[in-house]
Amino acid sequence: MKLRIATYNMHKGVSAFGHQARIHGMKEAIAGLNADLVFLQEVQGRHDENAKRHSSWPEAGHHEFLAGDTHHVAYGMNAVYEHGHHGNALLSRYPITSLINHDVSDHAYEQRGILHAVVQVNTVAVHCFVIHLGLFAASRRRQVQALIQTIVRDTPSEAPLIIAGDFNDWNQRLSTTLYEHLGVVEAFDVINNETKKSAMRRTFSDYFVSLRRSHARTFPAQFPWLCLDRVYLRGFQVEQAVVLKDEPWYSLSDHVPILVCLDIPDLPA
């Protein structure tokens, strides 16, 4: 069975420069992806000042506005302030059977969370984790350890797993830890380093040792250079992974999105 997923840091629905409202353009662009699952970061649940400043600002939270009538939605509120709040969200074409938001804030100046939603894709429960890690390396390391502990505790070892979002891991040091402890692979490492057949033939240790890091460049949007956004997987075959660098994406947010096409081997097409 095929599954289309995307991950996108939407910069609270405003442009990277000038803070112009871009939420309507984002809605149209995200709908055009025809994705089954969309992992979103910096989702504006409420912002009273922007609602006053921009006449077209949606009345609903951005997660509900983007989901519309086509997707189910889970929202994890992380940062709360006097005039609103924002966090992570998951849009799903399939039913969301459970959700929990784990607070992994490392200090008072950054409120971060891990949104865990279980999505029922036909007969298979897919565990989805929406991530937006901190700006400091020490914080990211602690947050990744919290993620690992959460997955080991709450996710069956045989369950299909997707971890996607903004890892802020510009020096690409976190993948080793995730690979070793969770048995996941990153979508672009699969596409760029192995064919699917050779990856299945080799042992995990052989695959890990031979791996060359090749994560996607997604930031800044107008000239993507840093590899901040990731899609880690377990229990899937990766058919395609692309960075969407062209219009309209490079003028909407400060990140560009990743689109990944997957196959669940045990499910019929």
C-alpha atoms as a PDB file:
ATOM      1  CA  MET A   1       0.000   0.000   0.000  1.00  0.00           C
ATOM      2  CA  LYS A   2       1.281   3.459  -0.903  1.00  0.00           C
ATOM      3  CA  LEU A   3       1.453   6.363   1.526  1.00  0.00           C
ATOM      4  CA  ARG A   4       2.375   9.993   0.761  1.00  0.00           C
ATOM      5  CA  ILE A   5       3.755  12.008   3.668  1.00  0.00           C
ATOM      6  CA  ALA A   6       5.178  15.502   4.041  1.00  0.00           C
ATOM      7  CA  THR A   7       6.884  17.497   6.770  1.00  0.00           C
ATOM      8  CA  TYR A   8       6.887  21.289   6.886  1.00  0.00           C
ATOM      9  CA  ASN A   9       7.870  24.050   9.303  1.00  0.00           C
ATOM     10  CA  MET A  10       5.223  26.648   8.434  1.00  0.00           C
ATOM     11  CA  HIS A  11       6.716  29.602  10.381  1.00  0.00           C
ATOM     12  CA  LYS A  12       3.402  30.334  12.141  1.00  0.00           C
ATOM     13  CA  GLY A  13       1.654  31.098   8.863  1.00  0.00           C
ATOM     14  CA  VAL A  14       3.704  34.194   7.990  1.00  0.00           C
ATOM     15  CA  SER A  15       6.548  34.930   5.582  1.00  0.00           C
ATOM     16  CA  ALA A  16      10.174  34.752   6.667  1.00  0.00           C
ATOM     17  CA  PHE A  17      10.638  38.455   5.911  1.00  0.00           C
ATOM     18  CA  GLY A  18       8.119  41.121   6.786  1.00  0.00           C
ATOM     19  CA  HIS A  19       5.758  38.749   8.597  1.00  0.00           C
ATOM     20  CA  GLN A  20       3.219  38.889   5.808  1.00  0.00           C
ATOM     21  CA  ALA A  21       0.291  36.495   6.140  1.00  0.00           C
ATOM     22  CA  ARG A  22       0.922  33.375   4.031  1.00  0.00           C
ATOM     23  CA  ILE A  23      -1.521  30.940   5.594  1.00  0.00           C
ATOM     24  CA  HIS A  24      -3.928  30.900   2.625  1.00  0.00           C
ATOM     25  CA  GLY A  25      -1.063  30.196   0.231  1.00  0.00           C
ATOM     26  CA  MET A  26       0.141  27.442   2.548  1.00  0.00           C
ATOM     27  CA  LYS A  27      -3.306  25.848   2.609  1.00  0.00           C
ATOM     28  CA  GLU A  28      -3.465  25.768  -1.191  1.00  0.00           C
ATOM     29  CA  ALA A  29       0.096  24.447  -1.511  1.00  0.00           C
ATOM     30  CA  ILE A  30      -0.356  21.736   1.132  1.00  0.00           C
ATOM     31  CA  ALA A  31      -3.626  20.617  -0.485  1.00  0.00           C
ATOM     32  CA  GLY A  32      -1.747  20.337  -3.780  1.00  0.00           C
ATOM     33  CA  LEU A  33       0.618  17.764  -2.261  1.00  0.00           C
ATOM     34  CA  ASN A  34      -2.233  15.249  -1.988  1.00  0.00           C
ATOM     35  CA  ALA A  35      -0.477  13.886   1.096  1.00  0.00           C
ATOM     36  CA  ASP A  36      -1.996  11.288   3.386  1.00  0.00           C
ATOM     37  CA  LEU A  37      -0.013  12.540   6.387  1.00  0.00           C
ATOM     38  CA  VAL A  38       1.397  16.034   6.921  1.00  0.00           C
ATOM     39  CA  PHE A  39       3.744  16.667   9.852  1.00  0.00           C
ATOM     40  CA  LEU A  40       3.650  20.384  10.713  1.00  0.00           C
ATOM     41  CA  GLN A  41       5.766  22.524  13.019  1.00  0.00           C
ATOM     42  CA  GLU A  42       5.269  26.102  14.258  1.00  0.00           C
ATOM     43  CA  VAL A  43       1.520  25.808  13.814  1.00  0.00           C
ATOM     44  CA  GLN A  44      -0.325  28.863  15.111  1.00  0.00           C
ATOM     45  CA  GLY A  45      -3.199  27.658  17.238  1.00  0.00           C
ATOM     46  CA  ARG A  46      -4.164  31.221  18.141  1.00  0.00           C
ATOM     47  CA  HIS A  47      -2.619  34.658  17.626  1.00  0.00           C
ATOM     48  CA  ASP A  48      -4.837  37.596  18.579  1.00  0.00           C
ATOM     49  CA  GLU A  49      -2.415  40.250  17.300  1.00  0.00           C
ATOM     50  CA  ASN A  50      -2.069  38.721  13.853  1.00  0.00           C
ATOM     51  CA  ALA A  51      -5.841  38.289  13.713  1.00  0.00           C
ATOM     52  CA  LYS A  52      -6.166  42.054  14.194  1.00  0.00           C
ATOM     53  CA  ARG A  53      -3.292  42.878  11.824  1.00  0.00           C
ATOM     54  CA  HIS A  54      -4.363  40.675   8.903  1.00  0.00           C
ATOM     55  CA  SER A  55      -7.950  40.897   7.705  1.00  0.00           C
ATOM     56  CA  SER A  56      -7.790  37.446   6.085  1.00  0.00           C
ATOM     57  CA  TRP A  57      -6.422  35.679   9.196  1.00  0.00           C
ATOM     58  CA  PRO A  58      -8.448  32.478   9.767  1.00  0.00           C
ATOM     59  CA  GLU A  59     -10.800  32.427  12.720  1.00  0.00           C
ATOM     60  CA  ALA A  60      -9.940  28.803  13.449  1.00  0.00           C
ATOM     61  CA  GLY A  61      -6.531  27.578  14.549  1.00  0.00           C
ATOM     62  CA  HIS A  62      -4.207  26.936  11.634  1.00  0.00           C
ATOM     63  CA  HIS A  63      -4.266  23.174  12.232  1.00  0.00           C
ATOM     64  CA  GLU A  64      -8.060  23.126  11.845  1.00  0.00           C
ATOM     65  CA  PHE A  65      -7.961  25.568   8.919  1.00  0.00           C
ATOM     66  CA  LEU A  66      -5.448  23.410   7.025  1.00  0.00           C
ATOM     67  CA  ALA A  67      -7.212  20.136   7.779  1.00  0.00           C
ATOM     68  CA  GLY A  68     -10.527  21.406   6.422  1.00  0.00           C
ATOM     69  CA  ASP A  69     -12.948  18.657   5.421  1.00  0.00           C
ATOM     70  CA  THR A  70     -10.327  16.303   3.965  1.00  0.00           C
ATOM     71  CA  HIS A  71      -8.109  15.398   6.927  1.00  0.00           C
ATOM     72  CA  HIS A  72      -8.294  14.514  10.583  1.00  0.00           C
ATOM     73  CA  VAL A  73      -6.052  16.636  12.805  1.00  0.00           C
ATOM     74  CA  ALA A  74      -4.026  16.339  16.009  1.00  0.00           C
ATOM     75  CA  TYR A  75      -2.514  19.424  17.633  1.00  0.00           C
ATOM     76  CA  GLY A  76       0.098  19.614  20.364  1.00  0.00           C
ATOM     77  CA  MET A  77       0.246  23.027  22.032  1.00  0.00           C
ATOM     78  CA  ASN A  78       3.808  23.833  23.120  1.00  0.00           C
ATOM     79  CA  ALA A  79       4.347  27.589  23.491  1.00  0.00           C
ATOM     80  CA  VAL A  80       1.665  29.589  25.310  1.00  0.00           C
ATOM     81  CA  TYR A  81       1.678  33.378  25.616  1.00  0.00           C
ATOM     82  CA  GLU A  82      -0.744  36.172  26.410  1.00  0.00           C
ATOM     83  CA  HIS A  83      -2.013  36.618  22.859  1.00  0.00           C
ATOM     84  CA  GLY A  84      -1.988  33.001  21.693  1.00  0.00           C
ATOM     85  CA  HIS A  85      -0.156  29.704  21.361  1.00  0.00           C
ATOM     86  CA  HIS A  86       1.602  27.511  18.802  1.00  0.00           C
ATOM     87  CA  GLY A  87       2.923  23.968  18.501  1.00  0.00           C
ATOM     88  CA  ASN A  88       3.088  20.886  16.288  1.00  0.00           C
ATOM     89  CA  ALA A  89       0.277  19.264  14.315  1.00  0.00           C
ATOM     90  CA  LEU A  90      -0.472  16.187  12.249  1.00  0.00           C
ATOM     91  CA  LEU A  91      -2.953  16.195   9.370  1.00  0.00           C
ATOM     92  CA  SER A  92      -4.137  12.701   8.461  1.00  0.00           C
ATOM     93  CA  ARG A  93      -6.394  11.362   5.746  1.00  0.00           C
ATOM     94  CA  TYR A  94      -6.852   8.308   7.984  1.00  0.00           C
ATOM     95  CA  PRO A  95      -8.485   8.219  11.436  1.00  0.00           C
ATOM     96  CA  ILE A  96      -6.357   9.298  14.402  1.00  0.00           C
ATOM     97  CA  THR A  97      -7.101   6.834  17.180  1.00  0.00           C
ATOM     98  CA  SER A  98      -5.023   8.393  19.968  1.00  0.00           C
ATOM     99  CA  LEU A  99      -2.741  11.333  20.633  1.00  0.00           C
ATOM    100  CA  ILE A 100      -0.557  12.665  23.409  1.00  0.00           C
ATOM    101  CA  ASN A 101       1.765  15.666  23.540  1.00  0.00           C
ATOM    102  CA  HIS A 102       4.964  15.233  25.555  1.00  0.00           C
ATOM    103  CA  ASP A 103       6.571  18.378  26.984  1.00  0.00           C
ATOM    104  CA  VAL A 104      10.321  18.225  26.306  1.00  0.00           C
ATOM    105  CA  SER A 105      11.115  21.885  26.985  1.00  0.00           C
ATOM    106  CA  ASP A 106      14.728  22.088  28.097  1.00  0.00           C
ATOM    107  CA  HIS A 107      14.740  25.649  29.455  1.00  0.00           C
ATOM    108  CA  ALA A 108      12.426  28.606  29.942  1.00  0.00           C
ATOM    109  CA  TYR A 109      13.225  30.287  26.624  1.00  0.00           C
ATOM    110  CA  GLU A 110      12.152  27.429  24.315  1.00  0.00           C
ATOM    111  CA  GLN A 111       8.917  25.513  24.721  1.00  0.00           C
ATOM    112  CA  ARG A 112       9.165  22.236  22.798  1.00  0.00           C
ATOM    113  CA  GLY A 113       6.977  19.171  22.525  1.00  0.00           C
ATOM    114  CA  ILE A 114       6.779  15.745  20.893  1.00  0.00           C
ATOM    115  CA  LEU A 115       3.341  15.005  19.445  1.00  0.00           C
ATOM    116  CA  HIS A 116       2.597  11.265  19.327  1.00  0.00           C
ATOM    117  CA  ALA A 117      -0.444  10.285  17.268  1.00  0.00           C
ATOM    118  CA  VAL A 118      -1.530   6.797  16.277  1.00  0.00           C
ATOM    119  CA  VAL A 119      -3.080   6.653  12.800  1.00  0.00           C
ATOM    120  CA  GLN A 120      -5.178   3.713  11.663  1.00  0.00           C
ATOM    121  CA  VAL A 121      -4.166   3.000   8.051  1.00  0.00           C
ATOM    122  CA  ASN A 122      -6.619   0.269   7.093  1.00  0.00           C
ATOM    123  CA  THR A 123      -5.624  -2.630   9.365  1.00  0.00           C
ATOM    124  CA  VAL A 124      -2.289  -1.173  10.485  1.00  0.00           C
ATOM    125  CA  ALA A 125      -1.685   1.229  13.400  1.00  0.00           C
ATOM    126  CA  VAL A 126       1.065   3.659  12.348  1.00  0.00           C
ATOM    127  CA  HIS A 127       2.792   5.542  15.157  1.00  0.00           C
ATOM    128  CA  CYS A 128       3.574   9.118  14.123  1.00  0.00           C
ATOM    129  CA  PHE A 129       5.830  11.501  16.034  1.00  0.00           C
ATOM    130  CA  VAL A 130       5.918  15.194  15.097  1.00  0.00           C
ATOM    131  CA  ILE A 131       9.177  16.809  16.216  1.00  0.00           C
ATOM    132  CA  HIS A 132      10.569  20.324  16.605  1.00  0.00           C
ATOM    133  CA  LEU A 133      13.796  20.229  18.590  1.00  0.00           C
ATOM    134  CA  GLY A 134      15.644  23.057  20.309  1.00  0.00           C
ATOM    135  CA  LEU A 135      18.220  25.479  18.962  1.00  0.00           C
ATOM    136  CA  PHE A 136      21.008  24.338  21.304  1.00  0.00           C
ATOM    137  CA  ALA A 137      22.913  21.093  20.765  1.00  0.00           C
ATOM    138  CA  ALA A 138      22.734  20.010  24.417  1.00  0.00           C
ATOM    139  CA  SER A 139      18.959  20.531  24.408  1.00  0.00           C
ATOM    140  CA  ARG A 140      18.567  18.490  21.229  1.00  0.00           C
ATOM    141  CA  ARG A 141      20.548  15.601  22.670  1.00  0.00           C
ATOM    142  CA  ARG A 142      18.352  15.499  25.772  1.00  0.00           C
ATOM    143  CA  GLN A 143      15.195  15.815  23.693  1.00  0.00           C
ATOM    144  CA  VAL A 144      16.262  12.943  21.430  1.00  0.00           C
ATOM    145  CA  GLN A 145      16.847  10.800  24.511  1.00  0.00           C
ATOM    146  CA  ALA A 146      13.333  11.682  25.681  1.00  0.00           C
ATOM    147  CA  LEU A 147      12.007  10.717  22.252  1.00  0.00           C
ATOM    148  CA  ILE A 148      13.792   7.364  22.367  1.00  0.00           C
ATOM    149  CA  GLN A 149      12.484   6.609  25.854  1.00  0.00           C
ATOM    150  CA  THR A 150       8.946   7.510  24.788  1.00  0.00           C
ATOM    151  CA  ILE A 151       9.056   5.289  21.702  1.00  0.00           C
ATOM    152  CA  VAL A 152      10.591   2.329  23.526  1.00  0.00           C
ATOM    153  CA  ARG A 153       7.964   2.626  26.276  1.00  0.00           C
ATOM    154  CA  ASP A 154       4.851   3.381  24.215  1.00  0.00           C
ATOM    155  CA  THR A 155       5.381   1.838  20.758  1.00  0.00           C
ATOM    156  CA  PRO A 156       5.391  -1.899  19.951  1.00  0.00           C
ATOM    157  CA  SER A 157       8.726  -2.919  18.484  1.00  0.00           C
ATOM    158  CA  GLU A 158       7.067  -4.297  15.331  1.00  0.00           C
ATOM    159  CA  ALA A 159       4.814  -1.256  14.750  1.00  0.00           C
ATOM    160  CA  PRO A 160       5.376   0.959  11.679  1.00  0.00           C
ATOM    161  CA  LEU A 161       6.950   4.205  12.840  1.00  0.00           C
ATOM    162  CA  ILE A 162       7.356   7.696  11.343  1.00  0.00           C
ATOM    163  CA  ILE A 163       9.329  10.448  13.073  1.00  0.00           C
ATOM    164  CA  ALA A 164       9.282  13.688  11.107  1.00  0.00           C
ATOM    165  CA  GLY A 165       9.833  17.376  11.629  1.00  0.00           C
ATOM    166  CA  ASP A 166      12.378  20.107  12.230  1.00  0.00           C
ATOM    167  CA  PHE A 167      15.325  18.652  14.132  1.00  0.00           C
ATOM    168  CA  ASN A 168      17.470  21.839  13.983  1.00  0.00           C
ATOM    169  CA  ASP A 169      20.348  19.386  13.579  1.00  0.00           C
ATOM    170  CA  TRP A 170      22.460  21.503  11.244  1.00  0.00           C
ATOM    171  CA  ASN A 171      25.650  19.521  11.969  1.00  0.00           C
ATOM    172  CA  GLN A 172      23.858  16.177  11.316  1.00  0.00           C
ATOM    173  CA  ARG A 173      24.839  14.444  14.559  1.00  0.00           C
ATOM    174  CA  LEU A 174      21.543  13.001  15.764  1.00  0.00           C
ATOM    175  CA  SER A 175      20.919  10.299  13.172  1.00  0.00           C
ATOM    176  CA  THR A 176      23.511   7.933  14.626  1.00  0.00           C
ATOM    177  CA  THR A 177      21.706   7.877  17.969  1.00  0.00           C
ATOM    178  CA  LEU A 178      18.307   7.292  16.387  1.00  0.00           C
ATOM    179  CA  TYR A 179      19.627   4.584  14.079  1.00  0.00           C
ATOM    180  CA  GLU A 180      21.300   2.694  16.915  1.00  0.00           C
ATOM    181  CA  HIS A 181      18.473   2.858  19.462  1.00  0.00           C
ATOM    182  CA  LEU A 182      15.341   2.700  17.299  1.00  0.00           C
ATOM    183  CA  GLY A 183      16.382   0.830  14.158  1.00  0.00           C
ATOM    184  CA  VAL A 184      15.028   3.594  11.934  1.00  0.00           C
ATOM    185  CA  VAL A 185      16.422   4.933   8.662  1.00  0.00           C
ATOM    186  CA  GLU A 186      16.154   8.430   7.256  1.00  0.00           C
ATOM    187  CA  ALA A 187      14.320   8.750   3.945  1.00  0.00           C
ATOM    188  CA  PHE A 188      17.094  10.533   2.036  1.00  0.00           C
ATOM    189  CA  ASP A 189      19.755   8.144   3.307  1.00  0.00           C
ATOM    190  CA  VAL A 190      17.746   5.299   1.805  1.00  0.00           C
ATOM    191  CA  ILE A 191      17.221   7.060  -1.525  1.00  0.00           C
ATOM    192  CA  ASN A 192      20.763   8.357  -1.906  1.00  0.00           C
ATOM    193  CA  ASN A 193      22.834   5.481  -0.538  1.00  0.00           C
ATOM    194  CA  GLU A 194      21.052   2.205  -1.261  1.00  0.00           C
ATOM    195  CA  THR A 195      18.614   0.607  -3.630  1.00  0.00           C
ATOM    196  CA  LYS A 196      15.680  -0.974  -1.826  1.00  0.00           C
ATOM    197  CA  LYS A 197      16.755  -4.510  -2.660  1.00  0.00           C
ATOM    198  CA  SER A 198      20.335  -4.134  -1.465  1.00  0.00           C
ATOM    199  CA  ALA A 199      19.149  -2.442   1.723  1.00  0.00           C
ATOM    200  CA  MET A 200      16.890  -5.418   2.485  1.00  0.00           C
ATOM    201  CA  ARG A 201      19.685  -7.938   1.812  1.00  0.00           C
ATOM    202  CA  ARG A 202      22.224  -6.328   4.110  1.00  0.00           C
ATOM    203  CA  THR A 203      22.265  -6.427   7.891  1.00  0.00           C
ATOM    204  CA  PHE A 204      21.543  -3.273   9.836  1.00  0.00           C
ATOM    205  CA  SER A 205      25.138  -3.025  11.048  1.00  0.00           C
ATOM    206  CA  ASP A 206      26.491  -3.270   7.484  1.00  0.00           C
ATOM    207  CA  TYR A 207      24.030  -0.625   6.365  1.00  0.00           C
ATOM    208  CA  PHE A 208      24.932   1.692   9.238  1.00  0.00           C
ATOM    209  CA  VAL A 209      28.699   1.407   8.791  1.00  0.00           C
ATOM    210  CA  SER A 210      28.566   2.083   5.043  1.00  0.00           C
ATOM    211  CA  LEU A 211      26.178   5.004   5.336  1.00  0.00           C
ATOM    212  CA  ARG A 212      27.114   8.448   4.045  1.00  0.00           C
ATOM    213  CA  ARG A 213      24.983  11.202   5.532  1.00  0.00           C
ATOM    214  CA  SER A 214      22.882  12.813   2.829  1.00  0.00           C
ATOM    215  CA  HIS A 215      19.998  14.533   4.559  1.00  0.00           C
ATOM    216  CA  ALA A 216      17.857  17.030   2.669  1.00  0.00           C
ATOM    217  CA  ARG A 217      18.749  20.721   2.589  1.00  0.00           C
ATOM    218  CA  THR A 218      15.616  22.633   3.595  1.00  0.00           C
ATOM    219  CA  PHE A 219      16.693  25.940   5.196  1.00  0.00           C
ATOM    220  CA  PRO A 220      16.627  28.835   4.435  1.00  0.00           C
ATOM    221  CA  ALA A 221      13.787  28.541   1.945  1.00  0.00           C
ATOM    222  CA  GLN A 222      15.142  30.867  -0.728  1.00  0.00           C
ATOM    223  CA  PHE A 223      18.538  29.158  -0.743  1.00  0.00           C
ATOM    224  CA  PRO A 224      18.286  25.820   1.080  1.00  0.00           C
ATOM    225  CA  TRP A 225      21.626  24.899   2.583  1.00  0.00           C
ATOM    226  CA  LEU A 226      21.155  23.502   6.093  1.00  0.00           C
ATOM    227  CA  CYS A 227      19.770  19.998   6.692  1.00  0.00           C
ATOM    228  CA  LEU A 228      17.222  20.714   9.417  1.00  0.00           C
ATOM    229  CA  ASP A 229      14.139  18.701   8.441  1.00  0.00           C
ATOM    230  CA  ARG A 230      14.036  14.896   8.516  1.00  0.00           C
ATOM    231  CA  VAL A 231      11.796  11.867   8.018  1.00  0.00           C
ATOM    232  CA  TYR A 232      12.876   8.767   9.963  1.00  0.00           C
ATOM    233  CA  LEU A 233      11.090   5.491   9.248  1.00  0.00           C
ATOM    234  CA  ARG A 234      10.639   1.944  10.434  1.00  0.00           C
ATOM    235  CA  GLY A 235       8.521  -0.701   8.724  1.00  0.00           C
ATOM    236  CA  PHE A 236       8.288   1.049   5.345  1.00  0.00           C
ATOM    237  CA  GLN A 237       9.950   0.948   1.959  1.00  0.00           C
ATOM    238  CA  VAL A 238      10.907   4.357   0.578  1.00  0.00           C
ATOM    239  CA  GLU A 239       9.788   4.859  -3.016  1.00  0.00           C
ATOM    240  CA  GLN A 240      10.698   8.536  -3.427  1.00  0.00           C
ATOM    241  CA  ALA A 241      11.945  11.487  -1.350  1.00  0.00           C
ATOM    242  CA  VAL A 242      12.115  15.050  -2.678  1.00  0.00           C
ATOM    243  CA  VAL A 243      12.663  18.584  -1.380  1.00  0.00           C
ATOM    244  CA  LEU A 244      10.109  21.050  -2.756  1.00  0.00           C
ATOM    245  CA  LYS A 245      12.247  24.092  -3.530  1.00  0.00           C
ATOM    246  CA  ASP A 246      10.260  25.827  -6.252  1.00  0.00           C
ATOM    247  CA  GLU A 247       7.296  28.173  -6.198  1.00  0.00           C
ATOM    248  CA  PRO A 248       5.242  28.629  -4.199  1.00  0.00           C
ATOM    249  CA  TRP A 249       7.253  27.042  -1.414  1.00  0.00           C
ATOM    250  CA  TYR A 250      10.304  29.297  -1.263  1.00  0.00           C
ATOM    251  CA  SER A 251       8.168  32.391  -0.693  1.00  0.00           C
ATOM    252  CA  LEU A 252       5.825  30.988   1.973  1.00  0.00           C
ATOM    253  CA  SER A 253       7.912  30.052   5.032  1.00  0.00           C
ATOM    254  CA  ASP A 254      11.586  30.067   6.059  1.00  0.00           C
ATOM    255  CA  HIS A 255      11.741  26.288   5.425  1.00  0.00           C
ATOM    256  CA  VAL A 256      10.807  24.283   2.355  1.00  0.00           C
ATOM    257  CA  PRO A 257       8.946  20.984   2.808  1.00  0.00           C
ATOM    258  CA  ILE A 258       9.928  17.382   2.231  1.00  0.00           C
ATOM    259  CA  LEU A 259       7.635  14.960   0.407  1.00  0.00           C
ATOM    260  CA  VAL A 260       8.202  11.202   0.812  1.00  0.00           C
ATOM    261  CA  CYS A 261       6.348   8.385  -0.951  1.00  0.00           C
ATOM    262  CA  LEU A 262       6.239   5.125   1.006  1.00  0.00           C
ATOM    263  CA  ASP A 263       5.096   1.571   0.650  1.00  0.00           C
ATOM    264  CA  ILE A 264       3.786  -0.544   3.525  1.00  0.00           C
ATOM    265  CA  PRO A 265       4.927  -4.011   2.391  1.00  0.00           C
ATOM    266  CA  ASP A 266       2.383  -6.042   4.376  1.00  0.00           C
ATOM    267  CA  LEU A 267      -0.678  -4.199   3.064  1.00  0.00           C
ATOM    268  CA  PRO A 268      -2.239  -4.693  -0.387  1.00  0.00           C
ATOM    269  CA  ALA A 269      -2.204  -1.694  -2.715  1.00  0.00           C
END
